[in-house]
Amino acid sequence: VTVTRKEIQEMRQASLAQQGGQEQFEAMMLQQRWVAPDQIDADMRQEVQLPKLARAIGADLGTPAGQQAVG
């Protein structure tokens, strides 16, 4: 399973737009997810990678068994 830089950038841009800018986005990531600004791209990579991995192995992330399979 691969994640491209473009996928991470697209996810980041969507999140920035949703949060109202860079500062608000970074504050939200730190407060809600305990992710420091220099760790955001790595966290987003995992967010993109997880559903791809689930699809690749046929796991349903909506079930405990599916979550366990990828986790």
N, C-alpha and C. Protein backbone atom coordinates (compact mmCIF):
# COMPACT_ATOMS: atom_id res chain seq x y z
N VAL A 1 0.86 -1.17 0.00
CA VAL A 1 0.00 0.00 0.00
C VAL A 1 0.90 1.23 0.00
N THR A 2 0.63 2.13 -0.93
CA THR A 2 1.43 3.35 -1.01
C THR A 2 0.56 4.58 -0.80
N VAL A 3 1.20 5.62 -0.29
CA VAL A 3 0.56 6.92 -0.11
C VAL A 3 1.47 7.94 -0.78
N THR A 4 0.90 8.72 -1.67
CA THR A 4 1.70 9.71 -2.38
C THR A 4 1.73 11.04 -1.62
N ARG A 5 2.74 11.81 -1.92
CA ARG A 5 2.85 13.16 -1.34
C ARG A 5 1.63 13.99 -1.74
N LYS A 6 1.16 13.79 -2.96
CA LYS A 6 -0.02 14.52 -3.44
C LYS A 6 -1.24 14.21 -2.58
N GLU A 7 -1.43 12.95 -2.21
CA GLU A 7 -2.57 12.57 -1.37
C GLU A 7 -2.50 13.26 -0.01
N ILE A 8 -1.30 13.32 0.54
CA ILE A 8 -1.13 13.98 1.84
C ILE A 8 -1.41 15.47 1.70
N GLN A 9 -0.89 16.10 0.64
CA GLN A 9 -1.11 17.52 0.42
C GLN A 9 -2.59 17.83 0.21
N GLU A 10 -3.29 16.98 -0.53
CA GLU A 10 -4.72 17.19 -0.75
C GLU A 10 -5.49 17.10 0.56
N MET A 11 -5.15 16.12 1.38
CA MET A 11 -5.83 15.97 2.67
C MET A 11 -5.53 17.17 3.57
N ARG A 12 -4.28 17.61 3.56
CA ARG A 12 -3.89 18.76 4.38
C ARG A 12 -4.63 20.02 3.93
N GLN A 13 -4.70 20.26 2.62
CA GLN A 13 -5.40 21.44 2.10
C GLN A 13 -6.88 21.42 2.47
N ALA A 14 -7.50 20.26 2.37
CA ALA A 14 -8.91 20.14 2.75
C ALA A 14 -9.09 20.44 4.23
N SER A 15 -8.19 19.94 5.05
CA SER A 15 -8.26 20.17 6.49
C SER A 15 -8.01 21.64 6.83
N LEU A 16 -7.05 22.25 6.14
CA LEU A 16 -6.78 23.68 6.36
C LEU A 16 -8.01 24.52 6.03
N ALA A 17 -8.65 24.21 4.92
CA ALA A 17 -9.84 24.96 4.52
C ALA A 17 -10.96 24.77 5.53
N GLN A 18 -11.10 23.56 6.02
CA GLN A 18 -12.16 23.26 6.99
C GLN A 18 -11.93 23.97 8.32
N GLN A 19 -10.67 24.07 8.72
CA GLN A 19 -10.35 24.67 10.02
C GLN A 19 -10.17 26.19 9.95
N GLY A 20 -10.07 26.74 8.76
CA GLY A 20 -9.95 28.19 8.63
C GLY A 20 -8.53 28.72 8.61
N GLY A 21 -7.58 27.87 8.29
CA GLY A 21 -6.20 28.35 8.15
C GLY A 21 -5.20 27.49 8.89
N GLN A 22 -3.93 27.80 8.65
CA GLN A 22 -2.82 27.02 9.19
C GLN A 22 -2.80 27.02 10.72
N GLU A 23 -2.90 28.20 11.33
CA GLU A 23 -2.82 28.27 12.80
C GLU A 23 -3.94 27.51 13.47
N GLN A 24 -5.16 27.67 12.98
CA GLN A 24 -6.30 26.98 13.56
C GLN A 24 -6.16 25.47 13.38
N PHE A 25 -5.69 25.06 12.20
CA PHE A 25 -5.51 23.65 11.92
C PHE A 25 -4.47 23.03 12.86
N GLU A 26 -3.32 23.69 12.99
CA GLU A 26 -2.28 23.17 13.87
C GLU A 26 -2.75 23.12 15.32
N ALA A 27 -3.49 24.14 15.75
CA ALA A 27 -4.01 24.15 17.12
C ALA A 27 -4.99 22.99 17.34
N MET A 28 -5.86 22.75 16.36
CA MET A 28 -6.82 21.65 16.46
C MET A 28 -6.09 20.31 16.54
N MET A 29 -5.09 20.12 15.68
CA MET A 29 -4.35 18.85 15.68
C MET A 29 -3.67 18.63 17.02
N LEU A 30 -3.11 19.67 17.60
CA LEU A 30 -2.43 19.54 18.88
C LEU A 30 -3.42 19.27 20.00
N GLN A 31 -4.52 20.01 20.03
CA GLN A 31 -5.49 19.89 21.12
C GLN A 31 -6.31 18.61 21.04
N GLN A 32 -6.76 18.25 19.87
CA GLN A 32 -7.67 17.11 19.74
C GLN A 32 -6.96 15.78 19.49
N ARG A 33 -5.80 15.83 18.85
CA ARG A 33 -5.15 14.57 18.46
C ARG A 33 -3.74 14.42 19.03
N TRP A 34 -3.28 15.42 19.77
CA TRP A 34 -1.95 15.40 20.38
C TRP A 34 -0.86 15.24 19.32
N VAL A 35 -1.03 15.91 18.19
CA VAL A 35 -0.07 15.85 17.09
C VAL A 35 0.59 17.22 16.96
N ALA A 36 1.91 17.25 17.13
CA ALA A 36 2.67 18.49 17.00
C ALA A 36 2.75 18.90 15.53
N PRO A 37 2.93 20.20 15.26
CA PRO A 37 2.97 20.66 13.87
C PRO A 37 3.96 19.90 12.98
N ASP A 38 5.12 19.54 13.52
CA ASP A 38 6.11 18.84 12.69
C ASP A 38 5.78 17.36 12.49
N GLN A 39 4.70 16.89 13.11
CA GLN A 39 4.28 15.49 12.96
C GLN A 39 2.99 15.34 12.15
N ILE A 40 2.44 16.45 11.69
CA ILE A 40 1.14 16.42 11.01
C ILE A 40 1.18 15.59 9.73
N ASP A 41 2.20 15.77 8.90
CA ASP A 41 2.25 15.01 7.65
C ASP A 41 2.32 13.51 7.91
N ALA A 42 3.08 13.09 8.90
CA ALA A 42 3.16 11.66 9.23
C ALA A 42 1.81 11.14 9.70
N ASP A 43 1.10 11.95 10.49
CA ASP A 43 -0.22 11.55 10.95
C ASP A 43 -1.20 11.45 9.77
N MET A 44 -1.12 12.40 8.87
CA MET A 44 -2.00 12.38 7.70
C MET A 44 -1.68 11.20 6.80
N ARG A 45 -0.41 10.84 6.70
CA ARG A 45 -0.03 9.67 5.91
C ARG A 45 -0.75 8.43 6.45
N GLN A 46 -0.79 8.30 7.76
CA GLN A 46 -1.49 7.16 8.37
C GLN A 46 -2.98 7.22 8.09
N GLU A 47 -3.55 8.43 8.11
CA GLU A 47 -4.98 8.58 7.83
C GLU A 47 -5.33 8.16 6.41
N VAL A 48 -4.44 8.43 5.47
CA VAL A 48 -4.66 8.02 4.08
C VAL A 48 -4.38 6.53 3.92
N GLN A 49 -3.35 6.06 4.61
CA GLN A 49 -2.91 4.67 4.45
C GLN A 49 -3.88 3.65 5.05
N LEU A 50 -4.49 3.97 6.17
CA LEU A 50 -5.35 3.01 6.87
C LEU A 50 -6.49 2.48 6.02
N PRO A 51 -7.32 3.33 5.39
CA PRO A 51 -8.39 2.77 4.56
C PRO A 51 -7.87 2.02 3.34
N LYS A 52 -6.73 2.45 2.80
CA LYS A 52 -6.14 1.72 1.67
C LYS A 52 -5.72 0.32 2.11
N LEU A 53 -5.11 0.24 3.27
CA LEU A 53 -4.69 -1.05 3.80
C LEU A 53 -5.90 -1.94 4.05
N ALA A 54 -6.94 -1.37 4.63
CA ALA A 54 -8.16 -2.14 4.89
C ALA A 54 -8.73 -2.70 3.59
N ARG A 55 -8.80 -1.87 2.55
CA ARG A 55 -9.30 -2.36 1.26
C ARG A 55 -8.42 -3.47 0.71
N ALA A 56 -7.11 -3.31 0.84
CA ALA A 56 -6.17 -4.28 0.29
C ALA A 56 -6.31 -5.65 0.94
N ILE A 57 -6.65 -5.67 2.22
CA ILE A 57 -6.77 -6.97 2.91
C ILE A 57 -8.23 -7.38 3.11
N GLY A 58 -9.15 -6.58 2.60
CA GLY A 58 -10.56 -6.92 2.69
C GLY A 58 -11.16 -6.74 4.07
N ALA A 59 -10.61 -5.82 4.85
CA ALA A 59 -11.10 -5.57 6.20
C ALA A 59 -12.12 -4.43 6.19
N ASP A 60 -13.13 -4.55 7.03
CA ASP A 60 -14.16 -3.52 7.19
C ASP A 60 -13.83 -2.71 8.43
N LEU A 61 -13.40 -1.46 8.24
CA LEU A 61 -13.04 -0.62 9.38
C LEU A 61 -14.22 -0.26 10.26
N GLY A 62 -15.43 -0.54 9.80
CA GLY A 62 -16.63 -0.27 10.58
C GLY A 62 -16.93 -1.35 11.61
N THR A 63 -16.10 -2.38 11.64
CA THR A 63 -16.31 -3.46 12.60
C THR A 63 -15.08 -3.61 13.49
N PRO A 64 -15.28 -4.11 14.71
CA PRO A 64 -14.12 -4.35 15.58
C PRO A 64 -13.11 -5.32 14.96
N ALA A 65 -13.60 -6.35 14.28
CA ALA A 65 -12.69 -7.32 13.65
C ALA A 65 -11.87 -6.66 12.55
N GLY A 66 -12.51 -5.79 11.78
CA GLY A 66 -11.80 -5.08 10.72
C GLY A 66 -10.75 -4.13 11.28
N GLN A 67 -11.08 -3.46 12.35
CA GLN A 67 -10.13 -2.55 12.99
C GLN A 67 -8.95 -3.33 13.55
N GLN A 68 -9.24 -4.47 14.13
CA GLN A 68 -8.17 -5.30 14.68
C GLN A 68 -7.27 -5.84 13.57
N ALA A 69 -7.85 -6.14 12.43
CA ALA A 69 -7.07 -6.69 11.31
C ALA A 69 -6.02 -5.70 10.81
N VAL A 70 -6.32 -4.42 10.86
CA VAL A 70 -5.36 -3.42 10.38
C VAL A 70 -4.54 -2.82 11.51
N GLY A 71 -4.91 -3.11 12.74
CA GLY A 71 -4.31 -2.41 13.83
C GLY A 71 -3.28 -3.00 14.64
